[in-house]
Amino acid sequence: MMNMTLQLSLRIALVWAAGFLIAVAVEALLPDQAGIKLAGKQSVLFITFSRMGFWTCVFAALLVTALVMGRAMLSDIGWNTFR
């Protein structure tokens, strides 16, 4: 059981590291002037592509972490349909 826990924590750490590396690379490579404008009733919100890329990578790391942890918890309680 400890071996599986260690492997799970290593996988989560790798996903987070890769997510942040990709996010930083996306933010560094994309120009700050490129983006989309969302028009509201009172003002216009400008969202840069670099910021969208950064938060997409962070969200992906969170999502993968949640899915892996959910699968591990379901496996711990005896639901073995994942194999």
Protein backbone atom coordinates (compact mmCIF):
# COMPACT_ATOMS: atom_id res chain seq x y z
CA MET A 1 0.00 0.00 0.00
CA MET A 2 2.84 2.39 0.81
CA ASN A 3 4.36 1.73 -2.61
CA MET A 4 1.13 2.79 -4.33
CA THR A 5 0.90 5.93 -2.18
CA LEU A 6 4.45 6.89 -3.02
CA GLN A 7 3.84 6.30 -6.72
CA LEU A 8 0.65 8.38 -6.58
CA SER A 9 2.39 11.30 -4.87
CA LEU A 10 5.19 11.17 -7.44
CA ARG A 11 2.68 11.25 -10.31
CA ILE A 12 0.87 14.23 -8.80
CA ALA A 13 4.16 16.07 -8.28
CA LEU A 14 5.14 15.44 -11.90
CA VAL A 15 1.79 16.71 -13.18
CA TRP A 16 2.08 19.88 -11.09
CA ALA A 17 5.67 20.49 -12.16
CA ALA A 18 4.83 19.98 -15.82
CA GLY A 19 1.73 22.17 -15.54
CA PHE A 20 3.65 25.04 -14.00
CA LEU A 21 6.54 24.71 -16.47
CA ILE A 22 4.14 24.81 -19.40
CA ALA A 23 2.23 27.70 -17.82
CA VAL A 24 5.37 29.76 -17.31
CA ALA A 25 6.54 28.99 -20.85
CA VAL A 26 3.17 30.02 -22.28
CA GLU A 27 3.17 33.25 -20.33
CA ALA A 28 6.74 34.03 -21.39
CA LEU A 29 6.27 33.25 -25.08
CA LEU A 30 2.95 34.91 -25.85
CA PRO A 31 2.90 38.70 -26.23
CA ASP A 32 1.00 40.80 -23.71
CA GLN A 33 -0.83 42.76 -26.41
CA ALA A 34 -2.55 39.70 -27.92
CA GLY A 35 -5.84 38.72 -26.37
CA ILE A 36 -9.61 38.94 -26.46
CA LYS A 37 -11.96 41.67 -25.37
CA LEU A 38 -15.14 40.84 -23.51
CA ALA A 39 -17.67 43.64 -23.72
CA GLY A 40 -19.85 44.24 -20.72
CA LYS A 41 -22.57 46.78 -20.01
CA GLN A 42 -20.25 49.32 -18.42
CA SER A 43 -16.76 48.46 -19.63
CA VAL A 44 -14.60 46.19 -21.75
CA LEU A 45 -12.48 43.48 -20.16
CA PHE A 46 -9.25 42.63 -21.99
CA ILE A 47 -7.86 39.15 -21.29
CA THR A 48 -4.44 38.33 -22.69
CA PHE A 49 -3.73 34.97 -24.30
CA SER A 50 -0.73 34.50 -22.01
CA ARG A 51 -2.92 34.81 -18.90
CA MET A 52 -5.50 32.42 -20.35
CA GLY A 53 -2.75 29.92 -21.15
CA PHE A 54 -1.30 30.19 -17.65
CA TRP A 55 -4.59 29.60 -15.88
CA THR A 56 -5.55 26.80 -18.29
CA CYS A 57 -2.36 24.93 -17.38
CA VAL A 58 -2.95 25.49 -13.66
CA PHE A 59 -6.57 24.31 -14.03
CA ALA A 60 -5.38 21.20 -15.90
CA ALA A 61 -2.97 20.35 -13.08
CA LEU A 62 -5.77 20.77 -10.53
CA LEU A 63 -8.13 18.62 -12.59
CA VAL A 64 -5.64 15.80 -13.05
CA THR A 65 -4.83 15.89 -9.33
CA ALA A 66 -8.52 15.66 -8.43
CA LEU A 67 -9.11 12.77 -10.87
CA VAL A 68 -6.10 10.81 -9.64
CA MET A 69 -7.01 11.36 -6.00
CA GLY A 70 -10.65 10.40 -6.65
CA ARG A 71 -9.59 7.21 -8.38
CA ALA A 72 -7.24 6.37 -5.51
CA MET A 73 -9.96 6.94 -2.91
CA LEU A 74 -12.47 4.81 -4.84
CA SER A 75 -9.85 2.10 -5.18
CA ASP A 76 -9.18 2.24 -1.43
CA ILE A 77 -12.83 1.65 -0.57
CA GLY A 78 -12.94 -1.37 -2.83
CA TRP A 79 -14.32 -0.17 -6.14
CA ASN A 80 -12.01 -1.95 -8.59
CA THR A 81 -13.69 -1.36 -11.95
CA PHE A 82 -10.82 0.91 -13.03
CA ARG A 83 -8.38 -1.93 -13.84
